[in-house]
Amino acid sequence: MDWIYLILAGGFEVVGVTGMNRIVKYKNVQSYMILFIGFICSFSFLGLAMKTLSLGLSYAVWTGIGTIGGTIVGMVFYGESKDWKRILFIGMILTAVIGLKLIS
């Protein structure tokens, strides 16, 4: 269950970051709600995951999911660069997160 909490925490991190991007563009109540709900849920699930998983592992996986998710959302929905080098490094982050799961 701890890994599910950690994955949910990373997913909600992406929601929170998306809310930040929307605030920059729109500055409306809906954007602030997305930001606050995303980060509140993210930190809550991260706290639950850290009851059984180590700090270093939890933080590395959480930030990895947030980084990959935020980058993909930026590329798909906000027209950010889809350069092959960027995709390569996203793959490297994903490989590292999977490696951490395999050794823990």
N, C-alpha and C. Protein backbone atom coordinates (compact mmCIF):
# COMPACT_ATOMS: atom_id res chain seq x y z
N MET A 1 0.82 -1.20 0.00
CA MET A 1 0.00 0.00 0.00
C MET A 1 0.86 1.26 0.00
N ASP A 2 2.07 1.16 0.60
CA ASP A 2 2.95 2.31 0.68
C ASP A 2 3.37 2.81 -0.70
N TRP A 3 3.61 1.89 -1.63
CA TRP A 3 3.98 2.30 -2.99
C TRP A 3 2.81 2.95 -3.72
N ILE A 4 1.63 2.48 -3.46
CA ILE A 4 0.44 3.11 -4.06
C ILE A 4 0.32 4.55 -3.54
N TYR A 5 0.51 4.73 -2.25
CA TYR A 5 0.49 6.09 -1.68
C TYR A 5 1.55 6.97 -2.33
N LEU A 6 2.73 6.40 -2.54
CA LEU A 6 3.82 7.18 -3.13
C LEU A 6 3.51 7.56 -4.59
N ILE A 7 2.94 6.65 -5.33
CA ILE A 7 2.56 6.95 -6.71
C ILE A 7 1.46 8.00 -6.75
N LEU A 8 0.49 7.89 -5.85
CA LEU A 8 -0.57 8.91 -5.76
C LEU A 8 0.03 10.27 -5.39
N ALA A 9 0.98 10.27 -4.47
CA ALA A 9 1.64 11.52 -4.07
C ALA A 9 2.31 12.17 -5.27
N GLY A 10 3.01 11.39 -6.07
CA GLY A 10 3.65 11.92 -7.27
C GLY A 10 2.64 12.42 -8.29
N GLY A 11 1.54 11.70 -8.44
CA GLY A 11 0.49 12.14 -9.37
C GLY A 11 -0.13 13.46 -8.94
N PHE A 12 -0.40 13.59 -7.66
CA PHE A 12 -0.96 14.86 -7.18
C PHE A 12 0.06 15.99 -7.22
N GLU A 13 1.34 15.65 -7.16
CA GLU A 13 2.38 16.66 -7.35
C GLU A 13 2.27 17.27 -8.75
N VAL A 14 2.02 16.42 -9.72
CA VAL A 14 1.83 16.89 -11.09
C VAL A 14 0.60 17.80 -11.18
N VAL A 15 -0.47 17.42 -10.48
CA VAL A 15 -1.68 18.26 -10.45
C VAL A 15 -1.34 19.64 -9.86
N GLY A 16 -0.60 19.66 -8.77
CA GLY A 16 -0.23 20.93 -8.13
C GLY A 16 0.63 21.80 -9.04
N VAL A 17 1.58 21.20 -9.71
CA VAL A 17 2.44 21.95 -10.62
C VAL A 17 1.63 22.48 -11.81
N THR A 18 0.69 21.69 -12.28
CA THR A 18 -0.20 22.15 -13.35
C THR A 18 -1.01 23.35 -12.87
N GLY A 19 -1.44 23.31 -11.62
CA GLY A 19 -2.15 24.45 -11.05
C GLY A 19 -1.28 25.70 -11.02
N MET A 20 0.01 25.53 -10.71
CA MET A 20 0.93 26.68 -10.72
C MET A 20 1.01 27.28 -12.12
N ASN A 21 1.12 26.44 -13.11
CA ASN A 21 1.20 26.93 -14.48
C ASN A 21 -0.08 27.65 -14.88
N ARG A 22 -1.22 27.12 -14.44
CA ARG A 22 -2.50 27.77 -14.76
C ARG A 22 -2.62 29.13 -14.07
N ILE A 23 -2.10 29.24 -12.85
CA ILE A 23 -2.16 30.53 -12.14
C ILE A 23 -1.38 31.59 -12.90
N VAL A 24 -0.23 31.22 -13.43
CA VAL A 24 0.57 32.17 -14.20
C VAL A 24 -0.21 32.67 -15.41
N LYS A 25 -0.98 31.77 -16.02
CA LYS A 25 -1.70 32.14 -17.25
C LYS A 25 -3.06 32.76 -17.00
N TYR A 26 -3.81 32.28 -16.01
CA TYR A 26 -5.22 32.68 -15.87
C TYR A 26 -5.55 33.43 -14.59
N LYS A 27 -4.87 33.13 -13.50
CA LYS A 27 -5.12 33.78 -12.20
C LYS A 27 -6.60 33.77 -11.80
N ASN A 28 -7.23 32.60 -11.88
CA ASN A 28 -8.61 32.48 -11.44
C ASN A 28 -8.72 31.51 -10.26
N VAL A 29 -9.89 31.46 -9.66
CA VAL A 29 -10.10 30.65 -8.47
C VAL A 29 -9.89 29.16 -8.78
N GLN A 30 -10.33 28.72 -9.93
CA GLN A 30 -10.17 27.32 -10.29
C GLN A 30 -8.69 26.92 -10.32
N SER A 31 -7.85 27.77 -10.84
CA SER A 31 -6.41 27.48 -10.89
C SER A 31 -5.81 27.37 -9.49
N TYR A 32 -6.22 28.26 -8.59
CA TYR A 32 -5.74 28.18 -7.21
C TYR A 32 -6.24 26.92 -6.51
N MET A 33 -7.46 26.51 -6.80
CA MET A 33 -8.00 25.28 -6.20
C MET A 33 -7.22 24.06 -6.68
N ILE A 34 -6.91 24.03 -7.97
CA ILE A 34 -6.11 22.92 -8.51
C ILE A 34 -4.76 22.87 -7.80
N LEU A 35 -4.12 24.02 -7.64
CA LEU A 35 -2.83 24.09 -6.96
C LEU A 35 -2.93 23.58 -5.53
N PHE A 36 -3.86 24.14 -4.75
CA PHE A 36 -3.94 23.78 -3.33
C PHE A 36 -4.36 22.33 -3.13
N ILE A 37 -5.36 21.88 -3.85
CA ILE A 37 -5.81 20.49 -3.70
C ILE A 37 -4.70 19.53 -4.13
N GLY A 38 -4.03 19.85 -5.25
CA GLY A 38 -2.94 18.99 -5.71
C GLY A 38 -1.84 18.84 -4.68
N PHE A 39 -1.38 19.96 -4.12
CA PHE A 39 -0.27 19.89 -3.16
C PHE A 39 -0.70 19.32 -1.81
N ILE A 40 -1.90 19.63 -1.35
CA ILE A 40 -2.38 19.05 -0.08
C ILE A 40 -2.46 17.53 -0.19
N CYS A 41 -3.05 17.05 -1.29
CA CYS A 41 -3.14 15.59 -1.48
C CYS A 41 -1.75 14.98 -1.66
N SER A 42 -0.88 15.67 -2.39
CA SER A 42 0.47 15.16 -2.62
C SER A 42 1.23 14.98 -1.31
N PHE A 43 1.24 16.01 -0.48
CA PHE A 43 1.97 15.91 0.79
C PHE A 43 1.31 14.92 1.74
N SER A 44 0.00 14.81 1.69
CA SER A 44 -0.70 13.84 2.55
C SER A 44 -0.31 12.42 2.18
N PHE A 45 -0.37 12.10 0.90
CA PHE A 45 0.00 10.75 0.46
C PHE A 45 1.49 10.48 0.67
N LEU A 46 2.31 11.50 0.49
CA LEU A 46 3.75 11.32 0.75
C LEU A 46 3.98 10.98 2.22
N GLY A 47 3.28 11.67 3.11
CA GLY A 47 3.40 11.37 4.54
C GLY A 47 2.98 9.95 4.87
N LEU A 48 1.91 9.49 4.23
CA LEU A 48 1.46 8.11 4.46
C LEU A 48 2.49 7.10 3.96
N ALA A 49 3.07 7.38 2.79
CA ALA A 49 4.07 6.47 2.23
C ALA A 49 5.31 6.41 3.11
N MET A 50 5.68 7.55 3.70
CA MET A 50 6.91 7.61 4.50
C MET A 50 6.76 6.94 5.86
N LYS A 51 5.58 6.49 6.20
CA LYS A 51 5.44 5.72 7.44
C LYS A 51 6.17 4.39 7.35
N THR A 52 6.29 3.84 6.13
CA THR A 52 6.96 2.55 5.97
C THR A 52 8.16 2.61 5.03
N LEU A 53 8.20 3.60 4.14
CA LEU A 53 9.33 3.73 3.22
C LEU A 53 10.32 4.76 3.76
N SER A 54 11.57 4.60 3.39
CA SER A 54 12.60 5.52 3.87
C SER A 54 12.44 6.90 3.24
N LEU A 55 12.98 7.90 3.92
CA LEU A 55 12.93 9.27 3.45
C LEU A 55 13.59 9.43 2.08
N GLY A 56 14.80 8.93 1.94
CA GLY A 56 15.54 9.09 0.69
C GLY A 56 14.83 8.45 -0.49
N LEU A 57 14.36 7.24 -0.29
CA LEU A 57 13.64 6.54 -1.35
C LEU A 57 12.35 7.26 -1.70
N SER A 58 11.58 7.62 -0.68
CA SER A 58 10.29 8.28 -0.91
C SER A 58 10.48 9.60 -1.66
N TYR A 59 11.43 10.39 -1.22
CA TYR A 59 11.64 11.70 -1.85
C TYR A 59 12.13 11.55 -3.28
N ALA A 60 13.04 10.60 -3.53
CA ALA A 60 13.56 10.40 -4.88
C ALA A 60 12.46 9.96 -5.84
N VAL A 61 11.64 9.03 -5.42
CA VAL A 61 10.56 8.54 -6.28
C VAL A 61 9.51 9.63 -6.48
N TRP A 62 9.15 10.32 -5.41
CA TRP A 62 8.14 11.39 -5.48
C TRP A 62 8.58 12.49 -6.43
N THR A 63 9.81 12.95 -6.30
CA THR A 63 10.28 14.01 -7.19
C THR A 63 10.45 13.49 -8.62
N GLY A 64 10.83 12.23 -8.77
CA GLY A 64 10.95 11.65 -10.11
C GLY A 64 9.61 11.61 -10.82
N ILE A 65 8.58 11.16 -10.12
CA ILE A 65 7.24 11.13 -10.71
C ILE A 65 6.78 12.54 -11.03
N GLY A 66 7.03 13.47 -10.12
CA GLY A 66 6.63 14.86 -10.36
C GLY A 66 7.36 15.47 -11.54
N THR A 67 8.65 15.19 -11.66
CA THR A 67 9.45 15.72 -12.76
C THR A 67 8.99 15.14 -14.10
N ILE A 68 8.86 13.84 -14.15
CA ILE A 68 8.43 13.19 -15.39
C ILE A 68 7.02 13.64 -15.76
N GLY A 69 6.13 13.60 -14.80
CA GLY A 69 4.74 13.99 -15.07
C GLY A 69 4.60 15.43 -15.49
N GLY A 70 5.30 16.32 -14.79
CA GLY A 70 5.24 17.74 -15.13
C GLY A 70 5.79 18.01 -16.52
N THR A 71 6.86 17.33 -16.85
CA THR A 71 7.46 17.51 -18.17
C THR A 71 6.54 17.00 -19.27
N ILE A 72 5.93 15.84 -19.04
CA ILE A 72 5.01 15.28 -20.04
C ILE A 72 3.78 16.17 -20.21
N VAL A 73 3.23 16.65 -19.10
CA VAL A 73 2.07 17.57 -19.18
C VAL A 73 2.47 18.83 -19.96
N GLY A 74 3.65 19.36 -19.69
CA GLY A 74 4.12 20.53 -20.42
C GLY A 74 4.26 20.28 -21.91
N MET A 75 4.77 19.12 -22.27
CA MET A 75 4.95 18.80 -23.69
C MET A 75 3.61 18.56 -24.38
N VAL A 76 2.70 17.86 -23.72
CA VAL A 76 1.43 17.50 -24.35
C VAL A 76 0.44 18.66 -24.38
N PHE A 77 0.31 19.38 -23.27
CA PHE A 77 -0.75 20.38 -23.17
C PHE A 77 -0.29 21.83 -23.34
N TYR A 78 1.01 22.09 -23.15
CA TYR A 78 1.46 23.48 -23.18
C TYR A 78 2.50 23.76 -24.25
N GLY A 79 2.68 22.85 -25.18
CA GLY A 79 3.54 23.08 -26.32
C GLY A 79 5.02 23.19 -26.03
N GLU A 80 5.47 22.60 -24.93
CA GLU A 80 6.90 22.64 -24.62
C GLU A 80 7.66 21.70 -25.56
N SER A 81 8.96 21.89 -25.63
CA SER A 81 9.82 21.15 -26.55
C SER A 81 9.69 19.63 -26.36
N LYS A 82 9.68 18.93 -27.50
CA LYS A 82 9.64 17.45 -27.50
C LYS A 82 10.95 16.91 -28.08
N ASP A 83 12.03 17.62 -27.85
CA ASP A 83 13.34 17.25 -28.35
C ASP A 83 13.72 15.85 -27.86
N TRP A 84 14.40 15.08 -28.70
CA TRP A 84 14.75 13.71 -28.34
C TRP A 84 15.65 13.64 -27.12
N LYS A 85 16.48 14.66 -26.91
CA LYS A 85 17.35 14.66 -25.73
C LYS A 85 16.54 14.79 -24.44
N ARG A 86 15.52 15.60 -24.50
CA ARG A 86 14.64 15.77 -23.34
C ARG A 86 13.95 14.45 -23.01
N ILE A 87 13.46 13.77 -24.04
CA ILE A 87 12.79 12.48 -23.84
C ILE A 87 13.79 11.44 -23.33
N LEU A 88 15.01 11.48 -23.81
CA LEU A 88 16.05 10.56 -23.34
C LEU A 88 16.28 10.73 -21.83
N PHE A 89 16.40 11.96 -21.38
CA PHE A 89 16.66 12.20 -19.96
C PHE A 89 15.44 11.87 -19.10
N ILE A 90 14.24 12.05 -19.63
CA ILE A 90 13.04 11.61 -18.91
C ILE A 90 13.10 10.09 -18.73
N GLY A 91 13.51 9.40 -19.78
CA GLY A 91 13.66 7.94 -19.69
C GLY A 91 14.70 7.53 -18.66
N MET A 92 15.76 8.32 -18.54
CA MET A 92 16.78 8.02 -17.54
C MET A 92 16.24 8.19 -16.12
N ILE A 93 15.43 9.22 -15.91
CA ILE A 93 14.81 9.42 -14.60
C ILE A 93 13.89 8.24 -14.30
N LEU A 94 13.10 7.84 -15.29
CA LEU A 94 12.18 6.71 -15.10
C LEU A 94 12.95 5.44 -14.78
N THR A 95 14.05 5.22 -15.45
CA THR A 95 14.88 4.05 -15.18
C THR A 95 15.42 4.08 -13.75
N ALA A 96 15.83 5.24 -13.28
CA ALA A 96 16.33 5.37 -11.91
C ALA A 96 15.24 5.08 -10.89
N VAL A 97 14.02 5.58 -11.14
CA VAL A 97 12.91 5.33 -10.21
C VAL A 97 12.59 3.85 -10.16
N ILE A 98 12.55 3.20 -11.32
CA ILE A 98 12.29 1.75 -11.34
C ILE A 98 13.42 1.00 -10.63
N GLY A 99 14.66 1.42 -10.86
CA GLY A 99 15.80 0.80 -10.16
C GLY A 99 15.68 0.91 -8.65
N LEU A 100 15.26 2.08 -8.16
CA LEU A 100 15.07 2.25 -6.71
C LEU A 100 14.00 1.29 -6.18
N LYS A 101 12.94 1.10 -6.95
CA LYS A 101 11.88 0.18 -6.53
C LYS A 101 12.42 -1.25 -6.47
N LEU A 102 13.23 -1.62 -7.46
CA LEU A 102 13.74 -2.98 -7.51
C LEU A 102 14.70 -3.33 -6.38
N ILE A 103 15.45 -2.33 -5.90
CA ILE A 103 16.43 -2.64 -4.85
C ILE A 103 15.90 -2.40 -3.45
N SER A 104 14.66 -1.92 -3.33
CA SER A 104 14.15 -1.66 -1.97
C SER A 104 13.07 -2.64 -1.57
